[in-house]
């Protein structure tokens, strides 16, 4: 089958396209404004990626099926041509994945407001480390396992990142509703995606819908410390196990500690020691990701005793690109890129860096780019999170012209709040101008100045200034 992906260079779309190719299908597609790392991965795989959307070109290519990404909407010229002519069949990405792979597999669906990509990678990594050949689809570019997609053996589990965002402009259900979970991992739950969810209760509603399709012989692995998940109720139509630091959880994270050399913690299953972990991943949030992954993988392979799963390989786990990824590492300067775009994620990462890089000044650059962060919906939470840095650089608000002035993220209010906390804040009308401020303030510290950490938070490309900054500070 010849499959054409609209929005091909999106991370999830790109890995799904690679998975379809692995399954023997001819794959091609289109996108615009493409940036690494997914564009690089697609090019290396020899998949044709057309720039922009052209109905005439689509008609000439004549694919057997068009997969419409959830970033596509009415007004897109290829979408309008498909609807006007009815010339080609189309579907959403989640529906394609169900039909192509998931309907015949035991699926581990990894969900939550934060940590989905890392936890999905960890689950697949642990299954592989325990001698299995799982399939997986990861919404990022992992360093472990070595690719973001793999069909795996039909008899082994399939691990997939379960996004709560909608499936397509014509299917407003969350993507994870299509994923037929045997084990659903509910890592955490907060309000996000203000463009499609009204409030926290609306997000909770879609998680309840997911939980109701977990079979009675399946499992829900739930963060037992999260009150927003606790409010969902008992979920007594299936088996539920809880993970957390607090007493009463089935799997407890004990004695977490973090310092300049890494982090360590213990896992205890129902009062019995399971494993001691020492690894390089930062933060208690990543320890929780590891615990959720370990229990999900353990239950998938050994439902009567998940602690039979061996966890020694965690010490070698290298993480996912753009998740606390260290780009420059010198005694005077660390440069880190992070996909963070929710205030909780920013706060947890900055708190972790205080322990990970003692004695360093922390400079945080943040791009308000997601459909929630570029609005005022979480303004106060973002201000509190960014105040955990020593100095803040705010990128220009993405697609600001599409928001009413009273609805946009309030830059002046952020700078005023930071000043009240004794924190210097910077902004600029363009990313290029912000880059110059960053370079001027961090690239050449005065003699005897304390070392610096510069962290870029963005779910996009930050106008391309991150690799430019890296080049400038290395020269």
Protein backbone atom coordinates (compact mmCIF):
# COMPACT_ATOMS: atom_id res chain seq x y z
CA UNK A 1 0.00 0.00 0.00
CA UNK A 2 1.19 3.50 -0.83
CA UNK A 3 0.62 5.73 2.23
CA UNK A 4 0.90 9.52 2.19
CA UNK A 5 1.38 11.35 5.52
CA UNK A 6 0.25 14.97 5.89
CA UNK A 7 2.48 16.50 8.56
CA UNK A 8 5.14 13.86 7.98
CA UNK A 9 7.96 15.61 9.86
CA UNK A 10 6.13 15.73 13.17
CA UNK A 11 7.86 13.40 15.59
CA UNK A 12 4.92 11.04 16.11
CA UNK A 13 3.93 11.14 12.43
CA UNK A 14 7.48 10.54 11.33
CA UNK A 15 7.97 7.49 13.54
CA UNK A 16 4.58 6.13 12.46
CA UNK A 17 5.63 6.55 8.85
CA UNK A 18 8.86 4.68 9.56
CA UNK A 19 6.83 1.94 11.25
CA UNK A 20 4.57 1.68 8.20
CA UNK A 21 7.63 1.37 6.00
CA UNK A 22 9.01 -1.37 8.27
CA UNK A 23 5.68 -3.16 7.79
CA UNK A 24 6.30 -3.21 4.04
CA UNK A 25 4.32 -0.19 2.82
CA UNK A 26 5.52 2.53 0.46
CA UNK A 27 5.67 5.79 2.44
CA UNK A 28 5.90 9.45 1.48
CA UNK A 29 4.39 12.72 2.62
CA UNK A 30 4.52 16.48 3.03
CA UNK A 31 5.13 19.10 5.69
CA UNK A 32 6.31 22.68 6.04
CA UNK A 33 8.74 24.46 8.32
CA UNK A 34 10.67 21.24 8.89
CA UNK A 35 13.42 21.07 11.52
CA UNK A 36 15.59 18.34 13.09
CA UNK A 37 15.72 15.79 14.54
CA UNK A 38 12.84 14.10 12.71
CA UNK A 39 13.70 15.58 9.32
CA UNK A 40 17.17 14.05 9.65
CA UNK A 41 15.79 10.64 10.58
CA UNK A 42 13.38 10.61 7.63
CA UNK A 43 16.09 11.64 5.17
CA UNK A 44 18.37 8.89 6.46
CA UNK A 45 15.57 6.35 5.87
CA UNK A 46 15.12 7.53 2.28
CA UNK A 47 11.50 8.65 2.78
CA UNK A 48 10.46 11.40 0.38
CA UNK A 49 9.33 14.53 2.22
CA UNK A 50 7.72 17.20 0.06
CA UNK A 51 7.82 20.83 1.18
CA UNK A 52 4.40 22.43 1.55
CA UNK A 53 0.94 21.19 0.57
CA UNK A 54 -0.05 20.93 -3.10
CA UNK A 55 -3.33 19.28 -4.24
CA UNK A 56 -2.10 18.83 -7.81
CA UNK A 57 0.99 17.02 -6.61
CA UNK A 58 -1.11 14.85 -4.30
CA UNK A 59 -3.38 13.93 -7.22
CA UNK A 60 -0.37 12.93 -9.33
CA UNK A 61 1.12 10.83 -6.54
CA UNK A 62 -2.22 9.01 -6.13
CA UNK A 63 -1.55 7.20 -2.83
CA UNK A 64 -3.82 4.40 -1.67
CA UNK A 65 -4.39 6.14 1.67
CA UNK A 66 -3.81 9.62 3.09
CA UNK A 67 -3.03 9.96 6.81
CA UNK A 68 -4.06 13.40 8.06
CA UNK A 69 -2.08 14.59 11.07
CA UNK A 70 -3.83 16.39 13.90
CA UNK A 71 -1.96 19.60 13.07
CA UNK A 72 -3.94 19.77 9.82
CA UNK A 73 -7.21 21.73 9.72
CA UNK A 74 -9.84 23.01 7.34
CA UNK A 75 -8.30 25.49 4.95
CA UNK A 76 -5.28 23.31 4.22
CA UNK A 77 -5.27 23.01 0.41
CA UNK A 78 -4.76 19.23 0.42
CA UNK A 79 -7.48 18.73 3.04
CA UNK A 80 -9.91 20.83 1.00
CA UNK A 81 -9.07 18.92 -2.19
CA UNK A 82 -9.61 15.58 -0.45
CA UNK A 83 -13.00 16.70 0.84
CA UNK A 84 -14.08 18.34 -2.42
CA UNK A 85 -13.20 15.46 -4.70
CA UNK A 86 -13.50 12.35 -2.55
CA UNK A 87 -10.76 11.04 -4.81
CA UNK A 88 -8.67 9.34 -2.11
CA UNK A 89 -9.47 7.60 1.18
CA UNK A 90 -8.12 9.27 4.31
CA UNK A 91 -7.77 8.45 7.99
CA UNK A 92 -6.19 9.75 11.20
CA UNK A 93 -2.81 8.65 12.53
CA UNK A 94 -4.26 6.84 15.60
CA UNK A 95 -6.80 4.98 13.44
CA UNK A 96 -4.02 3.91 11.07
CA UNK A 97 -1.92 2.64 13.97
CA UNK A 98 -4.83 0.62 15.33
CA UNK A 99 -5.49 -0.96 11.96
CA UNK A 100 -1.83 -1.47 11.06
CA UNK A 101 -0.49 -2.85 14.35
CA UNK A 102 -2.39 -2.43 17.59
CA UNK A 103 -5.55 -4.45 17.06
CA UNK A 104 -3.57 -7.72 17.16
CA UNK A 105 -1.04 -6.91 19.95
CA UNK A 106 -0.91 -6.68 23.75
CA UNK A 107 -0.39 -2.96 24.05
CA UNK A 108 1.29 -0.97 26.80
CA UNK A 109 -0.07 2.57 26.41
CA UNK A 110 1.98 5.21 28.26
CA UNK A 111 -0.08 8.28 29.19
CA UNK A 112 0.24 11.43 31.29
CA UNK A 113 0.67 15.17 31.01
CA UNK A 114 4.43 14.85 31.50
CA UNK A 115 7.04 12.18 30.85
CA UNK A 116 5.25 10.11 28.19
CA UNK A 117 8.14 10.02 25.75
CA UNK A 118 10.81 9.13 28.32
CA UNK A 119 8.60 6.52 30.01
CA UNK A 120 7.74 4.92 26.66
CA UNK A 121 11.44 4.73 25.80
CA UNK A 122 12.24 3.29 29.25
CA UNK A 123 9.54 0.61 28.96
CA UNK A 124 10.74 -0.54 25.55
CA UNK A 125 14.35 -0.38 26.72
CA UNK A 126 13.68 -2.58 29.76
CA UNK A 127 11.74 -5.15 27.74
CA UNK A 128 14.64 -5.39 25.30
CA UNK A 129 17.16 -5.60 28.16
CA UNK A 130 15.18 -8.58 29.48
CA UNK A 131 15.57 -10.51 26.24
CA UNK A 132 12.29 -9.65 24.51
CA UNK A 133 11.60 -8.06 21.13
CA UNK A 134 8.81 -5.56 21.81
CA UNK A 135 7.29 -3.32 19.21
CA UNK A 136 7.27 0.35 20.09
CA UNK A 137 6.39 3.81 18.85
CA UNK A 138 8.01 6.69 20.70
CA UNK A 139 7.01 10.33 20.19
CA UNK A 140 10.58 11.57 20.24
CA UNK A 141 14.08 10.54 19.22
CA UNK A 142 15.42 8.18 21.91
CA UNK A 143 19.03 7.28 22.49
CA UNK A 144 17.81 4.05 24.10
CA UNK A 145 16.31 2.08 22.44
CA UNK A 146 18.29 2.95 19.30
CA UNK A 147 15.26 3.98 17.19
CA UNK A 148 11.87 5.55 17.87
CA UNK A 149 9.91 2.81 16.13
CA UNK A 150 10.02 -0.96 15.77
CA UNK A 151 7.44 -3.60 14.88
CA UNK A 152 8.99 -6.24 17.09
CA UNK A 153 7.84 -9.82 17.46
CA UNK A 154 4.10 -10.37 17.16
CA UNK A 155 4.08 -12.40 20.38
CA UNK A 156 5.75 -9.64 22.42
CA UNK A 157 4.12 -6.47 23.76
CA UNK A 158 3.80 -3.25 21.79
CA UNK A 159 4.69 -0.08 23.70
CA UNK A 160 3.17 3.18 22.49
CA UNK A 161 3.10 6.75 23.71
CA UNK A 162 -0.53 7.57 24.52
CA UNK A 163 -1.18 11.22 23.76
CA UNK A 164 -4.38 12.79 25.11
CA UNK A 165 -4.46 15.35 22.29
CA UNK A 166 -7.16 14.94 19.67
CA UNK A 167 -6.81 12.52 16.75
CA UNK A 168 -7.67 14.78 13.79
CA UNK A 169 -9.86 17.72 12.84
CA UNK A 170 -12.59 15.17 12.01
CA UNK A 171 -12.06 13.01 15.13
CA UNK A 172 -11.85 14.97 18.37
CA UNK A 173 -11.32 11.92 20.58
CA UNK A 174 -7.96 11.63 22.30
CA UNK A 175 -5.43 9.63 20.32
CA UNK A 176 -5.04 7.04 23.07
CA UNK A 177 -8.68 5.95 22.72
CA UNK A 178 -7.64 4.14 19.52
CA UNK A 179 -4.75 2.26 21.13
CA UNK A 180 -6.49 -0.80 22.68
CA UNK A 181 -4.54 -0.83 25.97
CA UNK A 182 -3.84 -4.07 27.77
CA UNK A 183 -1.79 -2.07 30.27
CA UNK A 184 -2.46 1.67 30.60
CA UNK A 185 0.18 3.72 32.43
CA UNK A 186 -1.25 6.91 33.96
CA UNK A 187 1.90 8.77 34.92
CA UNK A 188 0.32 12.08 36.02
CA UNK A 189 -2.55 14.36 35.08
CA UNK A 190 -2.72 18.15 34.88
CA UNK A 191 -4.59 20.69 32.82
CA UNK A 192 -2.96 21.28 29.43
CA UNK A 193 -3.97 21.70 25.78
CA UNK A 194 -6.27 24.61 26.52
CA UNK A 195 -7.15 24.78 22.82
CA UNK A 196 -9.14 21.51 23.02
CA UNK A 197 -9.88 20.94 26.73
CA UNK A 198 -12.07 23.33 28.71
CA UNK A 199 -10.63 22.64 32.14
CA UNK A 200 -9.04 19.97 34.34
CA UNK A 201 -12.33 18.06 34.60
CA UNK A 202 -12.40 17.81 30.81
CA UNK A 203 -8.91 16.25 30.77
CA UNK A 204 -9.91 13.87 33.56
CA UNK A 205 -12.94 12.83 31.52
CA UNK A 206 -10.81 11.64 28.61
CA UNK A 207 -8.53 9.68 30.97
CA UNK A 208 -11.61 7.97 32.40
CA UNK A 209 -12.67 7.05 28.85
CA UNK A 210 -9.26 5.45 28.31
CA UNK A 211 -9.42 3.54 31.58
CA UNK A 212 -12.81 2.08 30.67
CA UNK A 213 -11.38 0.21 27.67
CA UNK A 214 -8.67 -1.57 29.70
CA UNK A 215 -9.85 -5.19 29.86
CA UNK A 216 -10.48 -6.88 33.20
CA UNK A 217 -7.42 -9.10 32.66
CA UNK A 218 -5.30 -6.01 31.98
CA UNK A 219 -3.79 -3.43 34.30
CA UNK A 220 -3.82 0.25 35.08
CA UNK A 221 -0.48 1.43 36.46
CA UNK A 222 -1.28 4.70 38.19
CA UNK A 223 0.68 7.44 39.94
CA UNK A 224 -0.66 6.99 43.46
CA UNK A 225 0.70 10.37 44.61
CA UNK A 226 -1.25 12.40 42.04
CA UNK A 227 -4.52 13.80 43.46
CA UNK A 228 -5.87 14.56 39.99
CA UNK A 229 -5.59 10.87 39.12
CA UNK A 230 -6.92 9.85 42.52
CA UNK A 231 -10.06 11.85 41.78
CA UNK A 232 -10.84 9.49 38.90
CA UNK A 233 -12.02 6.85 41.37
CA UNK A 234 -11.35 3.17 41.96
CA UNK A 235 -11.54 1.91 38.35
CA UNK A 236 -12.72 -1.45 39.68
CA UNK A 237 -13.51 -2.87 36.23
CA UNK A 238 -9.83 -3.85 35.92
CA UNK A 239 -6.72 -4.34 38.07
CA UNK A 240 -5.08 -1.16 39.40
CA UNK A 241 -1.60 -0.83 40.89
CA UNK A 242 -0.15 2.39 42.28
CA UNK A 243 3.35 3.85 42.07
CA UNK A 244 4.77 6.67 44.16
CA UNK A 245 6.86 7.90 47.03
CA UNK A 246 4.08 7.85 49.63
CA UNK A 247 2.96 5.00 51.86
CA UNK A 248 0.10 2.97 50.46
CA UNK A 249 1.53 2.64 46.95
CA UNK A 250 2.15 -0.87 45.62
CA UNK A 251 5.51 0.19 44.19
CA UNK A 252 7.36 2.76 46.29
CA UNK A 253 10.27 4.99 45.30
CA UNK A 254 12.45 5.23 48.40
CA UNK A 255 15.50 7.29 49.41
CA UNK A 256 15.75 9.41 46.26
CA UNK A 257 18.92 11.53 46.21
CA UNK A 258 20.56 13.62 43.51
CA UNK A 259 23.91 15.30 43.16
CA UNK A 260 26.61 16.25 40.69
CA UNK A 261 27.34 12.63 39.78
CA UNK A 262 23.74 11.54 39.15
CA UNK A 263 20.71 10.26 41.01
CA UNK A 264 19.92 7.15 43.03
CA UNK A 265 16.83 5.56 44.56
CA UNK A 266 15.36 2.24 45.68
CA UNK A 267 12.25 0.45 44.45
CA UNK A 268 10.14 -1.54 46.89
CA UNK A 269 7.26 -3.76 45.70
CA UNK A 270 4.58 -4.28 48.36
CA UNK A 271 7.12 -4.04 51.15
CA UNK A 272 9.77 -6.21 49.47
CA UNK A 273 12.98 -4.72 47.99
CA UNK A 274 13.09 -4.93 44.19
CA UNK A 275 16.11 -2.94 43.00
CA UNK A 276 18.59 -0.18 43.81
CA UNK A 277 19.09 2.22 40.91
CA UNK A 278 21.96 4.63 40.28
CA UNK A 279 21.80 6.41 36.95
CA UNK A 280 22.48 9.64 35.06
CA UNK A 281 18.90 10.83 34.49
CA UNK A 282 17.99 13.98 36.43
CA UNK A 283 15.18 14.53 38.89
CA UNK A 284 12.63 12.68 40.95
CA UNK A 285 10.32 12.95 37.94
CA UNK A 286 12.61 10.66 35.95
CA UNK A 287 12.87 8.23 38.87
CA UNK A 288 9.06 8.07 38.76
CA UNK A 289 9.17 7.54 34.99
CA UNK A 290 11.54 4.62 35.56
CA UNK A 291 9.34 3.11 38.28
CA UNK A 292 6.23 3.33 36.08
CA UNK A 293 8.10 1.76 33.16
CA UNK A 294 9.55 -1.00 35.31
CA UNK A 295 6.17 -2.00 36.72
CA UNK A 296 4.43 -1.89 33.33
CA UNK A 297 7.14 -4.01 31.70
CA UNK A 298 7.26 -6.34 34.70
CA UNK A 299 3.51 -6.95 34.64
CA UNK A 300 3.58 -7.50 30.87
CA UNK A 301 6.17 -10.28 31.21
CA UNK A 302 5.56 -11.62 34.74
CA UNK A 303 2.03 -10.71 35.88
CA UNK A 304 2.32 -12.87 39.03
CA UNK A 305 5.62 -11.32 40.12
CA UNK A 306 6.75 -8.18 38.23
CA UNK A 307 9.95 -8.05 40.30
CA UNK A 308 11.33 -10.87 38.14
CA UNK A 309 12.06 -8.11 35.61
CA UNK A 310 15.75 -7.23 35.84
CA UNK A 311 16.46 -3.51 36.20
CA UNK A 312 20.28 -3.37 36.12
CA UNK A 313 20.17 -1.92 32.59
CA UNK A 314 18.73 1.36 33.92
CA UNK A 315 22.28 2.39 34.81
CA UNK A 316 23.05 2.53 31.07
CA UNK A 317 19.87 4.35 29.94
CA UNK A 318 20.88 7.49 28.01
CA UNK A 319 17.51 9.17 27.68
CA UNK A 320 15.73 10.93 24.82
CA UNK A 321 17.01 13.76 22.66
CA UNK A 322 15.63 17.17 23.67
CA UNK A 323 14.73 15.90 27.15
CA UNK A 324 17.28 17.53 29.46
CA UNK A 325 19.81 16.92 26.68
CA UNK A 326 23.29 18.21 27.48
CA UNK A 327 24.66 20.00 24.38
CA UNK A 328 27.72 21.74 25.86
CA UNK A 329 29.60 20.46 28.89
CA UNK A 330 32.57 22.53 30.08
CA UNK A 331 33.61 23.54 33.60
CA UNK A 332 32.38 27.09 32.93
CA UNK A 333 29.21 26.42 30.95
CA UNK A 334 26.57 23.73 30.51
CA UNK A 335 24.01 24.17 27.70
CA UNK A 336 20.89 22.03 27.88
CA UNK A 337 17.87 21.66 25.60
CA UNK A 338 14.56 20.53 27.06
CA UNK A 339 11.14 19.94 25.50
CA UNK A 340 9.45 21.51 28.56
CA UNK A 341 6.41 23.63 27.79
CA UNK A 342 4.23 23.18 30.90
CA UNK A 343 4.98 25.04 34.16
CA UNK A 344 5.23 21.86 36.23
CA UNK A 345 7.82 20.43 33.83
CA UNK A 346 9.85 23.66 33.93
CA UNK A 347 9.74 23.79 37.72
CA UNK A 348 10.73 20.16 38.25
CA UNK A 349 13.63 20.45 35.80
CA UNK A 350 14.97 23.67 37.33
CA UNK A 351 14.73 22.19 40.83
CA UNK A 352 16.64 19.14 39.64
CA UNK A 353 19.37 21.32 38.10
CA UNK A 354 19.95 23.01 41.48
CA UNK A 355 20.97 19.62 42.86
CA UNK A 356 22.67 18.40 39.68
CA UNK A 357 24.82 21.51 39.17
CA UNK A 358 25.67 22.88 42.62
CA UNK A 359 27.31 26.30 42.60
CA UNK A 360 26.12 27.12 39.07
CA UNK A 361 24.02 30.08 38.04
CA UNK A 362 20.97 28.93 36.08
CA UNK A 363 19.81 30.91 33.06
CA UNK A 364 16.49 29.75 31.58
CA UNK A 365 15.34 30.63 28.06
CA UNK A 366 11.67 29.89 27.42
CA UNK A 367 9.69 29.99 24.17
CA UNK A 368 5.90 30.35 24.68
CA UNK A 369 4.98 28.19 21.72
CA UNK A 370 2.43 25.52 22.68
CA UNK A 371 -1.26 26.28 22.31
CA UNK A 372 -1.47 26.65 26.09
CA UNK A 373 1.82 28.37 26.99
CA UNK A 374 1.36 31.21 24.52
CA UNK A 375 -1.84 32.24 26.33
CA UNK A 376 -2.56 33.57 29.83
CA UNK A 377 -4.18 30.31 30.95
CA UNK A 378 -1.17 29.29 33.08
CA UNK A 379 0.47 32.70 33.41
CA UNK A 380 0.86 32.59 37.21
CA UNK A 381 2.23 29.04 37.19
CA UNK A 382 4.80 29.91 34.51
CA UNK A 383 5.90 32.96 36.51
CA UNK A 384 6.46 30.86 39.63
CA UNK A 385 8.32 28.19 37.65
CA UNK A 386 10.64 30.59 35.84
CA UNK A 387 11.41 32.37 39.11
CA UNK A 388 13.35 29.22 40.07
CA UNK A 389 16.06 30.37 37.64
CA UNK A 390 18.65 33.08 38.34
CA UNK A 391 18.07 34.82 35.02
CA UNK A 392 15.30 34.43 32.44
CA UNK A 393 15.13 35.00 28.68
CA UNK A 394 11.68 35.01 27.10
CA UNK A 395 11.36 34.22 23.41
CA UNK A 396 8.74 35.83 21.23
CA UNK A 397 5.22 34.43 21.55
CA UNK A 398 4.51 32.02 18.73
CA UNK A 399 1.67 33.08 16.40
CA UNK A 400 0.92 36.02 18.66
CA UNK A 401 -1.08 37.73 15.88
CA UNK A 402 -3.67 34.94 16.12
CA UNK A 403 -4.46 35.75 19.76
CA UNK A 404 -6.39 38.69 21.14
CA UNK A 405 -4.03 40.97 23.10
CA UNK A 406 -5.94 40.26 26.31
CA UNK A 407 -5.51 36.49 25.80
CA UNK A 408 -1.76 36.44 25.09
CA UNK A 409 0.93 35.46 27.55
CA UNK A 410 1.69 38.69 29.42
CA UNK A 411 5.38 39.37 28.94
CA UNK A 412 5.35 42.61 30.91
CA UNK A 413 3.70 40.91 33.89
CA UNK A 414 6.35 38.17 33.86
CA UNK A 415 9.21 40.64 33.78
CA UNK A 416 7.64 42.68 36.56
CA UNK A 417 7.18 39.59 38.73
CA UNK A 418 10.76 38.46 38.13
CA UNK A 419 12.04 41.89 39.09
CA UNK A 420 10.05 41.72 42.33
CA UNK A 421 11.87 38.46 43.09
CA UNK A 422 15.29 39.96 42.35
CA UNK A 423 15.63 38.03 39.08
CA UNK A 424 16.75 39.70 35.88
CA UNK A 425 14.48 39.06 32.91
CA UNK A 426 15.15 39.67 29.23
CA UNK A 427 13.01 39.68 26.13
CA UNK A 428 13.38 40.79 22.53
CA UNK A 429 11.15 41.27 19.52
CA UNK A 430 12.98 38.58 17.55
CA UNK A 431 14.72 35.33 18.35
CA UNK A 432 17.89 36.68 16.71
CA UNK A 433 17.95 39.64 19.08
CA UNK A 434 17.39 37.34 22.06
CA UNK A 435 20.31 35.20 20.89
CA UNK A 436 22.60 38.23 21.04
CA UNK A 437 21.54 38.95 24.62
CA UNK A 438 22.17 35.34 25.59
CA UNK A 439 25.60 35.30 24.02
CA UNK A 440 26.55 38.64 25.57
CA UNK A 441 25.51 37.53 29.06
CA UNK A 442 26.80 33.96 29.13
CA UNK A 443 29.45 33.21 26.51
CA UNK A 444 32.40 34.96 28.15
CA UNK A 445 32.02 34.98 31.95
CA UNK A 446 34.35 37.24 33.90
CA UNK A 447 37.34 35.73 35.64
CA UNK A 448 36.27 34.13 38.89
CA UNK A 449 32.58 34.17 37.98
CA UNK A 450 30.55 31.16 38.98
CA UNK A 451 29.88 28.59 36.22
CA UNK A 452 26.58 28.77 34.36
CA UNK A 453 23.84 26.46 33.15
CA UNK A 454 21.84 27.73 30.18
CA UNK A 455 18.68 25.73 29.55
CA UNK A 456 16.37 26.22 26.56
CA UNK A 457 12.73 25.24 27.11
CA UNK A 458 10.72 24.81 23.92
CA UNK A 459 8.47 22.31 22.15
CA UNK A 460 9.63 23.70 18.81
CA UNK A 461 12.86 24.99 17.29
CA UNK A 462 13.13 28.32 19.20
CA UNK A 463 13.69 30.01 15.84
CA UNK A 464 16.84 27.97 15.29
CA UNK A 465 18.81 29.85 17.95
CA UNK A 466 19.79 26.81 20.03
CA UNK A 467 22.36 25.36 17.58
CA UNK A 468 23.51 28.91 16.82
CA UNK A 469 24.10 29.56 20.50
CA UNK A 470 26.01 26.29 20.84
CA UNK A 471 28.26 27.27 17.93
CA UNK A 472 28.86 30.73 19.33
CA UNK A 473 29.81 29.59 22.84
CA UNK A 474 32.09 26.87 21.48
CA UNK A 475 34.01 29.23 19.17
